[in-house]
């Protein structure tokens, strides 16, 4: 069974939220039948609120269950390079209940599932760019 995990980017603060860090609030998504809302738990007031954070304020990315050649977890939105199957960079995307990337040319794009990660190296993500 694969590990289910997500990471959350706060757009206004331009950083990843860490729900386990004392300085960051815990995060909860609630669906009241009109779409998901983000709720943050303030450790000082011991209260859940969504006044300072809405769905438009965050980007949620799912863990693929895979790791790259260096053992780094691969998430949706990661940018990776592969020099074995093709030379270049691609972005991890989710479609048809699987993770992959768009390949091919502009006339014939293909969704290519990621199944072999021994030669893939995560070099960044769409939110922070490529690692220096």
Protein backbone atom coordinates (compact mmCIF):
# COMPACT_ATOMS: atom_id res chain seq x y z
CA UNK A 1 0.00 0.00 0.00
CA UNK A 2 1.44 3.38 -0.97
CA UNK A 3 1.82 6.24 1.45
CA UNK A 4 -0.81 8.97 0.99
CA UNK A 5 0.77 12.37 1.50
CA UNK A 6 0.29 15.96 0.38
CA UNK A 7 2.27 19.16 0.54
CA UNK A 8 0.73 22.63 0.75
CA UNK A 9 2.15 25.83 -0.74
CA UNK A 10 0.90 29.13 0.70
CA UNK A 11 0.78 31.57 -2.22
CA UNK A 12 0.69 34.80 -0.20
CA UNK A 13 3.66 33.77 1.96
CA UNK A 14 5.51 32.00 -0.90
CA UNK A 15 6.44 29.01 1.23
CA UNK A 16 5.49 25.45 2.09
CA UNK A 17 3.30 25.03 5.18
CA UNK A 18 4.57 22.47 7.67
CA UNK A 19 1.64 21.23 9.79
CA UNK A 20 4.05 19.67 12.32
CA UNK A 21 6.11 22.82 12.93
CA UNK A 22 5.19 24.84 16.01
CA UNK A 23 5.22 28.11 14.04
CA UNK A 24 2.79 26.84 11.38
CA UNK A 25 -0.88 26.10 11.88
CA UNK A 26 -2.28 22.64 11.33
CA UNK A 27 -4.36 22.40 8.16
CA UNK A 28 -7.69 20.74 7.48
CA UNK A 29 -9.83 20.62 4.34
CA UNK A 30 -13.59 20.54 4.84
CA UNK A 31 -16.29 20.07 2.22
CA UNK A 32 -19.69 21.50 3.07
CA UNK A 33 -21.25 20.53 -0.27
CA UNK A 34 -20.17 23.75 -2.00
CA UNK A 35 -16.52 22.88 -2.51
CA UNK A 36 -13.56 22.47 -0.19
CA UNK A 37 -12.57 25.10 2.32
CA UNK A 38 -9.23 25.36 4.09
CA UNK A 39 -9.24 25.53 7.89
CA UNK A 40 -6.18 26.33 9.96
CA UNK A 41 -5.77 25.38 13.61
CA UNK A 42 -4.22 28.09 15.74
CA UNK A 43 -2.32 26.47 18.59
CA UNK A 44 -2.61 29.57 20.81
CA UNK A 45 -6.37 30.08 20.56
CA UNK A 46 -6.99 26.32 20.08
CA UNK A 47 -9.50 27.16 17.38
CA UNK A 48 -10.09 26.19 13.75
CA UNK A 49 -10.70 29.12 11.40
CA UNK A 50 -10.62 29.89 7.70
CA UNK A 51 -10.51 33.69 7.97
CA UNK A 52 -6.83 33.99 7.06
CA UNK A 53 -6.61 31.25 4.45
CA UNK A 54 -8.92 30.32 1.59
CA UNK A 55 -8.58 27.65 -1.13
CA UNK A 56 -7.32 30.34 -3.52
CA UNK A 57 -4.45 31.02 -1.09
CA UNK A 58 -2.96 27.51 -1.26
CA UNK A 59 -1.79 24.93 -3.79
CA UNK A 60 -2.14 21.31 -2.68
CA UNK A 61 0.06 18.72 -4.37
CA UNK A 62 -0.22 14.95 -3.98
CA UNK A 63 2.66 12.54 -3.40
CA UNK A 64 2.96 10.04 -6.27
CA UNK A 65 4.14 7.18 -4.08
CA UNK A 66 7.41 7.19 -6.04
CA UNK A 67 10.93 8.40 -5.35
CA UNK A 68 13.58 9.60 -7.77
CA UNK A 69 17.04 8.08 -8.24
CA UNK A 70 18.29 9.97 -5.16
CA UNK A 71 15.45 8.78 -2.92
CA UNK A 72 13.62 12.14 -3.03
CA UNK A 73 9.81 11.89 -2.92
CA UNK A 74 8.12 12.79 -6.21
CA UNK A 75 5.06 15.06 -5.94
CA UNK A 76 2.61 16.36 -8.50
CA UNK A 77 4.09 19.62 -9.84
CA UNK A 78 7.70 18.48 -9.49
CA UNK A 79 10.09 19.19 -12.33
CA UNK A 80 12.42 16.35 -13.15
CA UNK A 81 15.05 15.48 -15.70
CA UNK A 82 15.83 12.19 -17.34
CA UNK A 83 18.79 11.63 -19.61
CA UNK A 84 18.20 7.94 -20.30
CA UNK A 85 14.80 7.78 -22.03
CA UNK A 86 14.90 11.34 -23.35
CA UNK A 87 17.06 14.38 -22.69
CA UNK A 88 15.21 17.20 -21.02
CA UNK A 89 12.90 18.28 -18.24
CA UNK A 90 9.24 17.46 -17.59
CA UNK A 91 6.60 18.32 -14.99
CA UNK A 92 4.74 15.65 -13.03
CA UNK A 93 1.00 15.77 -13.63
CA UNK A 94 -2.04 13.72 -12.58
CA UNK A 95 -4.47 12.38 -15.18
CA UNK A 96 -6.54 9.25 -15.65
CA UNK A 97 -5.89 8.25 -12.01
CA UNK A 98 -2.13 8.04 -12.57
CA UNK A 99 0.91 10.28 -12.45
CA UNK A 100 2.91 11.04 -15.55
CA UNK A 101 4.05 13.84 -17.77
CA UNK A 102 3.12 15.32 -21.10
CA UNK A 103 5.49 14.14 -23.80
CA UNK A 104 5.68 14.18 -27.56
CA UNK A 105 5.48 17.22 -29.77
CA UNK A 106 2.84 19.96 -29.94
CA UNK A 107 0.93 18.14 -32.69
CA UNK A 108 0.91 14.76 -30.94
CA UNK A 109 1.09 15.25 -27.16
CA UNK A 110 1.00 12.06 -25.10
CA UNK A 111 0.41 11.50 -21.42
CA UNK A 112 3.24 9.20 -20.37
CA UNK A 113 2.86 7.41 -17.00
CA UNK A 114 5.82 7.47 -14.65
CA UNK A 115 6.63 3.86 -13.86
CA UNK A 116 10.42 3.76 -13.97
CA UNK A 117 12.12 6.21 -11.62
CA UNK A 118 15.66 4.82 -11.44
CA UNK A 119 16.86 7.42 -13.96
CA UNK A 120 14.61 10.36 -12.99
CA UNK A 121 15.98 13.20 -10.85
CA UNK A 122 13.72 15.82 -9.25
CA UNK A 123 15.31 19.22 -9.89
CA UNK A 124 12.59 21.54 -8.59
CA UNK A 125 8.86 22.24 -8.74
CA UNK A 126 6.46 24.52 -10.56
CA UNK A 127 6.06 26.80 -7.53
CA UNK A 128 9.68 27.44 -6.59
CA UNK A 129 11.36 26.76 -9.93
CA UNK A 130 14.42 24.65 -10.58
CA UNK A 131 16.90 24.02 -7.72
CA UNK A 132 20.11 25.92 -8.06
